[in-house]
């Protein structure tokens, strides 16, 4: 029995993971919340040169807090960090959070992407919409959720085409599960130059990217694409979550996130640039034990390799599922309209 995508081919194929989206079409921005049904072991790996994050220091394996109550992915650049407060309020009202005396403090790390210049109405005065959007995303959390122009992917772009929200999963014969959820907003391209093939084509499963055509020959070595000349530092990023049902320590969850970053390098060219804030969270819901001894490291390596594959597939799906918005055509409108 081979490794296969899960029944939904979403990160919610991982036991205990729910996802909710909320977006504002007028603002052209949105929020995605990953909501475990109970606290999950978490770590984070930041690779981009211009990140926007919250509570990431707490996820260092040397720090006190082992688990998180939710992870927020949001548009809005620094304004979007307010979304974490919305998710915290939602969780606190339901008695969830890290116990401190007779109080509970929800642990909600977050990462933001830049979508402030996409033509939406950003004149929100003193009250950015992200706190309310996060609460709405929590209300909407479930096993099924939209991709493309949804949640944090609504206002995203990928190079010179529309980006979006993507997800993918893989289930092993022994019951271990891995999934990825990515908001795709890189300065680099998800499409090979001079052709219509996604960089992620080789990892496509069951037509999830529309049935990619393999490249006919080698691609140019020069990674500097024309639209990079107008790039603004901090105005792009790819952010996401990889999750597994394995029982992991924080250090092992960090290794999962670290290996998963390879999926960005496969699906986006260039990735991890000075213009991006590429950030991946690693979550472990802990319903499936790993073996002890040397076999544990082997199992973790397999999880990390599959997490990287899922990230590449999620990026491809996010771009493929996106719809045109404002001046940015979708992948399908540009390359599949005929």
Protein backbone atom coordinates (compact mmCIF):
# COMPACT_ATOMS: atom_id res chain seq x y z
CA UNK A 1 0.00 0.00 0.00
CA UNK A 2 1.55 3.27 -1.15
CA UNK A 3 1.55 6.71 0.45
CA UNK A 4 -1.48 8.56 -0.88
CA UNK A 5 -3.25 11.91 -0.39
CA UNK A 6 -5.83 11.80 2.38
CA UNK A 7 -9.57 11.67 1.66
CA UNK A 8 -9.91 15.48 1.44
CA UNK A 9 -6.35 16.21 0.26
CA UNK A 10 -6.30 19.00 2.87
CA UNK A 11 -4.33 19.59 6.06
CA UNK A 12 -7.51 18.57 7.91
CA UNK A 13 -6.76 14.95 6.95
CA UNK A 14 -4.40 15.14 9.95
CA UNK A 15 -6.22 13.98 13.09
CA UNK A 16 -7.39 16.87 15.26
CA UNK A 17 -6.83 19.71 12.76
CA UNK A 18 -9.59 22.10 11.72
CA UNK A 19 -9.26 25.17 9.48
CA UNK A 20 -11.42 28.27 9.13
CA UNK A 21 -11.33 31.09 6.57
CA UNK A 22 -12.79 34.56 6.62
CA UNK A 23 -12.23 37.33 4.10
CA UNK A 24 -13.39 40.80 3.12
CA UNK A 25 -13.81 41.24 -0.63
CA UNK A 26 -13.86 45.04 -0.34
CA UNK A 27 -10.58 45.12 1.56
CA UNK A 28 -9.19 42.27 -0.59
CA UNK A 29 -7.68 40.57 2.42
CA UNK A 30 -8.47 37.77 4.81
CA UNK A 31 -7.52 35.45 7.65
CA UNK A 32 -7.02 31.71 7.94
CA UNK A 33 -6.96 30.01 11.35
CA UNK A 34 -5.59 26.52 11.99
CA UNK A 35 -7.50 25.32 15.03
CA UNK A 36 -6.45 22.02 16.65
CA UNK A 37 -9.22 20.37 18.63
CA UNK A 38 -6.79 20.32 21.59
CA UNK A 39 -3.42 22.02 22.17
CA UNK A 40 -0.76 20.83 19.73
CA UNK A 41 3.03 20.73 20.06
CA UNK A 42 4.42 23.49 17.85
CA UNK A 43 7.60 25.00 16.44
CA UNK A 44 8.43 27.47 13.69
CA UNK A 45 11.16 28.00 11.08
CA UNK A 46 11.51 31.48 9.53
CA UNK A 47 13.57 31.61 6.33
CA UNK A 48 12.55 34.82 4.58
CA UNK A 49 14.40 38.10 4.89
CA UNK A 50 11.37 40.24 5.75
CA UNK A 51 9.07 38.30 8.13
CA UNK A 52 6.06 39.55 10.04
CA UNK A 53 5.28 37.29 12.98
CA UNK A 54 3.88 37.07 16.51
CA UNK A 55 4.73 34.68 19.39
CA UNK A 56 7.40 32.87 17.37
CA UNK A 57 10.07 33.23 20.09
CA UNK A 58 7.87 31.21 22.44
CA UNK A 59 8.08 28.28 20.03
CA UNK A 60 11.83 27.91 20.44
CA UNK A 61 12.45 24.41 21.87
CA UNK A 62 14.28 25.96 24.84
CA UNK A 63 11.22 27.97 25.93
CA UNK A 64 8.51 27.07 28.43
CA UNK A 65 5.37 26.73 26.31
CA UNK A 66 5.15 23.34 24.55
CA UNK A 67 1.81 23.64 22.81
CA UNK A 68 -0.35 26.16 20.95
CA UNK A 69 -4.10 26.58 20.77
CA UNK A 70 -4.22 27.93 17.22
CA UNK A 71 -2.05 29.32 14.43
CA UNK A 72 -3.11 32.37 12.43
CA UNK A 73 -2.14 33.11 8.82
CA UNK A 74 -3.30 36.54 7.71
CA UNK A 75 -3.05 39.29 5.18
CA UNK A 76 -2.58 42.91 6.13
CA UNK A 77 1.16 43.00 6.80
CA UNK A 78 1.80 44.32 10.35
CA UNK A 79 -1.85 45.39 10.65
CA UNK A 80 -2.80 41.73 10.27
CA UNK A 81 -1.02 40.74 13.48
CA UNK A 82 -4.15 41.98 15.24
CA UNK A 83 -5.83 38.82 13.95
CA UNK A 84 -4.09 36.77 16.64
CA UNK A 85 -5.92 38.81 19.30
CA UNK A 86 -9.22 37.93 17.65
CA UNK A 87 -8.42 34.23 17.80
CA UNK A 88 -7.20 34.60 21.40
CA UNK A 89 -10.47 36.21 22.44
CA UNK A 90 -12.47 33.48 20.73
CA UNK A 91 -10.47 30.75 22.47
CA UNK A 92 -10.50 32.46 25.89
CA UNK A 93 -14.28 32.74 25.76
CA UNK A 94 -14.34 28.95 25.44
CA UNK A 95 -11.98 28.31 28.34
CA UNK A 96 -8.99 27.36 26.24
CA UNK A 97 -5.40 28.41 26.84
CA UNK A 98 -2.21 27.92 28.83
CA UNK A 99 -3.04 27.76 32.55
CA UNK A 100 -1.54 30.55 34.66
CA UNK A 101 -2.95 30.35 38.16
CA UNK A 102 -6.72 30.54 37.79
CA UNK A 103 -6.46 32.16 34.36
CA UNK A 104 -5.95 30.72 30.89
CA UNK A 105 -3.93 32.46 28.20
CA UNK A 106 -4.47 31.14 24.67
CA UNK A 107 -1.19 30.68 22.78
CA UNK A 108 -1.72 31.85 19.20
CA UNK A 109 1.35 32.43 17.05
CA UNK A 110 0.79 34.20 13.75
CA UNK A 111 2.46 35.11 10.48
CA UNK A 112 1.40 37.80 8.03
CA UNK A 113 1.70 38.36 4.31
CA UNK A 114 1.72 41.69 2.48
CA UNK A 115 -1.41 42.54 0.47
CA UNK A 116 -1.69 46.28 1.14
CA UNK A 117 -1.15 47.34 -2.48
CA UNK A 118 -3.60 45.05 -4.25
CA UNK A 119 -6.25 47.70 -4.90
CA UNK A 120 -8.59 46.89 -2.01
CA UNK A 121 -10.00 49.52 0.33
CA UNK A 122 -7.45 49.77 3.13
CA UNK A 123 -8.86 53.00 4.61
CA UNK A 124 -10.05 51.31 7.80
CA UNK A 125 -9.18 54.15 10.16
CA UNK A 126 -8.30 53.09 13.70
CA UNK A 127 -9.90 49.64 13.45
CA UNK A 128 -8.29 47.19 11.01
CA UNK A 129 -10.67 44.32 10.21
CA UNK A 130 -8.36 41.47 11.15
CA UNK A 131 -9.47 40.85 14.73
CA UNK A 132 -13.08 40.40 13.61
CA UNK A 133 -12.02 38.31 10.62
CA UNK A 134 -10.05 35.96 12.87
CA UNK A 135 -13.03 35.43 15.16
CA UNK A 136 -15.18 34.71 12.10
CA UNK A 137 -12.57 32.26 10.82
CA UNK A 138 -12.65 30.45 14.18
CA UNK A 139 -16.44 30.24 13.95
CA UNK A 140 -16.09 28.73 10.46
CA UNK A 141 -13.40 26.18 11.38
CA UNK A 142 -14.08 22.67 10.19
CA UNK A 143 -12.66 19.80 8.15
CA UNK A 144 -13.63 21.35 4.79
CA UNK A 145 -12.51 24.79 3.62
CA UNK A 146 -12.02 26.72 0.39
CA UNK A 147 -8.74 27.16 -1.49
CA UNK A 148 -7.52 29.87 -3.85
CA UNK A 149 -9.07 33.27 -3.15
CA UNK A 150 -10.00 32.38 0.42
CA UNK A 151 -8.83 33.44 3.85
CA UNK A 152 -5.25 34.66 3.90
CA UNK A 153 -5.00 33.81 0.20
CA UNK A 154 -7.62 36.30 -0.96
CA UNK A 155 -5.26 39.21 -1.52
CA UNK A 156 -2.16 37.18 -2.37
CA UNK A 157 -0.19 37.27 -5.60
CA UNK A 158 2.57 34.96 -6.84
CA UNK A 159 5.13 36.85 -8.87
CA UNK A 160 3.10 38.49 -11.64
CA UNK A 161 -0.03 36.31 -11.32
CA UNK A 162 -2.63 35.75 -8.62
CA UNK A 163 -1.56 33.72 -5.60
CA UNK A 164 -3.85 32.00 -3.15
CA UNK A 165 -4.44 29.50 -0.37
CA UNK A 166 -3.40 25.91 -1.01
CA UNK A 167 -3.38 22.66 0.91
CA UNK A 168 -2.37 19.03 0.44
CA UNK A 169 -2.00 15.89 2.52
CA UNK A 170 -0.30 12.49 2.55
CA UNK A 171 -1.22 9.38 4.54
CA UNK A 172 1.22 6.52 5.10
CA UNK A 173 0.24 2.85 5.28
CA UNK A 174 1.20 2.76 8.98
CA UNK A 175 -1.35 5.48 9.81
CA UNK A 176 0.97 8.48 10.04
CA UNK A 177 -0.49 11.60 8.47
CA UNK A 178 1.07 14.79 7.13
CA UNK A 179 -0.55 17.91 5.70
CA UNK A 180 0.35 21.42 4.60
CA UNK A 181 -1.58 24.68 4.41
CA UNK A 182 0.14 27.53 2.52
CA UNK A 183 -0.80 31.13 1.74
CA UNK A 184 1.14 31.72 -1.48
CA UNK A 185 2.33 35.32 -1.93
CA UNK A 186 5.98 35.17 -3.10
CA UNK A 187 7.98 37.69 -5.06
CA UNK A 188 9.29 34.71 -7.03
CA UNK A 189 7.39 32.76 -9.65
CA UNK A 190 5.46 29.52 -9.27
CA UNK A 191 5.58 29.01 -13.05
CA UNK A 192 8.57 28.03 -15.17
CA UNK A 193 9.71 30.91 -17.39
CA UNK A 194 8.53 30.77 -20.99
CA UNK A 195 6.06 27.92 -20.43
CA UNK A 196 2.87 27.06 -18.56
CA UNK A 197 4.28 24.40 -16.22
CA UNK A 198 4.21 24.97 -12.48
CA UNK A 199 7.51 24.42 -10.70
CA UNK A 200 5.60 21.98 -8.46
CA UNK A 201 4.49 19.82 -11.40
CA UNK A 202 6.56 16.75 -10.46
CA UNK A 203 4.72 16.30 -7.15
CA UNK A 204 1.17 16.59 -8.54
CA UNK A 205 -1.23 13.89 -7.33
CA UNK A 206 -4.51 12.92 -9.01
CA UNK A 207 -4.71 16.07 -11.17
CA UNK A 208 -4.73 18.39 -8.15
CA UNK A 209 -2.98 21.12 -10.21
CA UNK A 210 -5.13 20.68 -13.29
CA UNK A 211 -2.95 18.05 -14.93
CA UNK A 212 0.51 19.54 -15.38
CA UNK A 213 2.59 19.01 -18.52
CA UNK A 214 6.23 18.10 -17.83
CA UNK A 215 8.77 20.60 -19.16
CA UNK A 216 10.12 19.83 -22.64
CA UNK A 217 13.69 20.75 -21.73
CA UNK A 218 15.93 22.59 -19.29
CA UNK A 219 14.86 25.98 -17.99
CA UNK A 220 17.08 29.09 -18.01
CA UNK A 221 19.61 29.21 -15.19
CA UNK A 222 19.12 32.93 -14.52
CA UNK A 223 16.80 33.15 -11.46
CA UNK A 224 16.30 36.93 -11.72
CA UNK A 225 12.87 37.36 -13.30
CA UNK A 226 11.73 40.64 -14.87
CA UNK A 227 9.20 41.56 -12.17
CA UNK A 228 11.89 41.33 -9.48
CA UNK A 229 13.28 44.64 -10.71
CA UNK A 230 10.28 46.42 -9.19
CA UNK A 231 10.17 44.37 -5.98
CA UNK A 232 9.85 46.16 -2.65
CA UNK A 233 11.48 44.58 0.43
CA UNK A 234 8.82 43.22 2.79
CA UNK A 235 6.05 43.35 0.19
CA UNK A 236 5.78 39.57 -0.30
CA UNK A 237 5.92 36.32 1.61
CA UNK A 238 4.81 32.71 1.67
CA UNK A 239 3.49 31.52 5.03
CA UNK A 240 2.02 28.26 6.18
CA UNK A 241 1.59 25.33 8.53
CA UNK A 242 2.67 21.72 8.25
CA UNK A 243 0.99 19.28 10.58
CA UNK A 244 1.27 15.61 11.53
CA UNK A 245 -0.60 13.26 13.83
CA UNK A 246 2.72 11.94 15.19
CA UNK A 247 3.78 12.36 18.80
CA UNK A 248 6.67 14.84 18.51
CA UNK A 249 8.75 16.97 20.83
CA UNK A 250 9.15 20.69 20.09
CA UNK A 251 12.61 20.01 18.68
CA UNK A 252 11.20 17.34 16.39
CA UNK A 253 8.39 19.68 15.30
CA UNK A 254 11.08 22.21 14.41
CA UNK A 255 12.87 19.59 12.30
CA UNK A 256 9.56 18.91 10.55
CA UNK A 257 9.13 22.61 9.71
CA UNK A 258 12.79 22.91 8.67
CA UNK A 259 12.58 20.03 6.22
CA UNK A 260 9.23 21.27 4.93
CA UNK A 261 10.83 24.50 3.72
CA UNK A 262 12.38 22.45 0.90
CA UNK A 263 8.91 22.39 -0.62
CA UNK A 264 9.03 26.17 -1.05
CA UNK A 265 12.34 25.86 -2.90
CA UNK A 266 10.81 23.27 -5.22
CA UNK A 267 7.63 25.20 -6.01
CA UNK A 268 8.82 28.86 -6.07
CA UNK A 269 11.82 30.38 -7.83
CA UNK A 270 13.48 32.15 -6.15
CA UNK A 271 12.31 31.46 -2.58
CA UNK A 272 13.50 32.80 0.80
CA UNK A 273 14.56 36.10 -0.75
CA UNK A 274 15.27 39.42 1.01
CA UNK A 275 11.82 40.52 -0.18
CA UNK A 276 9.90 37.63 1.43
CA UNK A 277 9.09 36.67 5.01
CA UNK A 278 8.81 32.93 4.38
CA UNK A 279 7.61 31.23 7.57
CA UNK A 280 6.45 27.68 8.31
CA UNK A 281 4.92 26.44 11.55
CA UNK A 282 5.16 22.76 12.47
CA UNK A 283 2.30 21.19 14.47
CA UNK A 284 2.01 17.72 16.00
CA UNK A 285 -1.40 16.59 17.26
CA UNK A 286 0.05 13.48 18.95
CA UNK A 287 -2.40 10.71 18.12
CA UNK A 288 0.16 8.31 16.59
CA UNK A 289 3.32 7.21 18.35
CA UNK A 290 6.70 6.96 16.63
CA UNK A 291 9.07 4.05 17.30
CA UNK A 292 11.85 4.36 19.85
CA UNK A 293 15.58 4.20 19.22
CA UNK A 294 17.24 4.75 15.82
CA UNK A 295 13.99 3.98 14.01
CA UNK A 296 12.52 7.19 15.44
CA UNK A 297 14.95 9.36 13.49
CA UNK A 298 14.12 7.42 10.33
CA UNK A 299 10.40 7.98 10.90
CA UNK A 300 10.96 11.70 11.51
CA UNK A 301 12.98 11.94 8.30
CA UNK A 302 10.12 10.34 6.37
CA UNK A 303 7.65 12.78 7.91
CA UNK A 304 9.85 15.73 6.99
CA UNK A 305 10.29 14.53 3.41
CA UNK A 306 6.54 14.11 2.98
CA UNK A 307 5.93 17.51 4.60
CA UNK A 308 8.19 19.11 1.97
CA UNK A 309 6.24 17.29 -0.77
CA UNK A 310 2.95 18.51 0.71
CA UNK A 311 4.24 22.10 0.84
CA UNK A 312 5.20 21.98 -2.85
CA UNK A 313 1.82 20.49 -3.76
CA UNK A 314 -0.05 23.02 -1.60
CA UNK A 315 1.76 25.89 -3.33
CA UNK A 316 0.87 24.48 -6.74
CA UNK A 317 -2.76 24.03 -5.70
CA UNK A 318 -2.96 27.52 -4.19
CA UNK A 319 -1.84 29.08 -7.47
CA UNK A 320 -3.95 26.75 -9.61
CA UNK A 321 -7.14 27.30 -7.58
CA UNK A 322 -6.79 31.11 -7.43
CA UNK A 323 -9.11 33.40 -9.40
CA UNK A 324 -8.09 36.63 -11.14
CA UNK A 325 -8.34 39.70 -8.93
CA UNK A 326 -7.69 43.31 -9.87
CA UNK A 327 -4.65 43.61 -12.16
CA UNK A 328 -3.41 40.06 -11.45
CA UNK A 329 -4.62 37.30 -13.76
CA UNK A 330 -5.00 33.83 -12.37
CA UNK A 331 -2.83 30.96 -13.55
CA UNK A 332 -5.82 29.44 -15.32
CA UNK A 333 -6.78 32.71 -17.01
CA UNK A 334 -3.26 33.24 -18.34
CA UNK A 335 -2.23 29.69 -19.20
CA UNK A 336 -5.39 27.61 -19.51
CA UNK A 337 -7.94 30.02 -21.00
CA UNK A 338 -7.77 28.35 -24.40
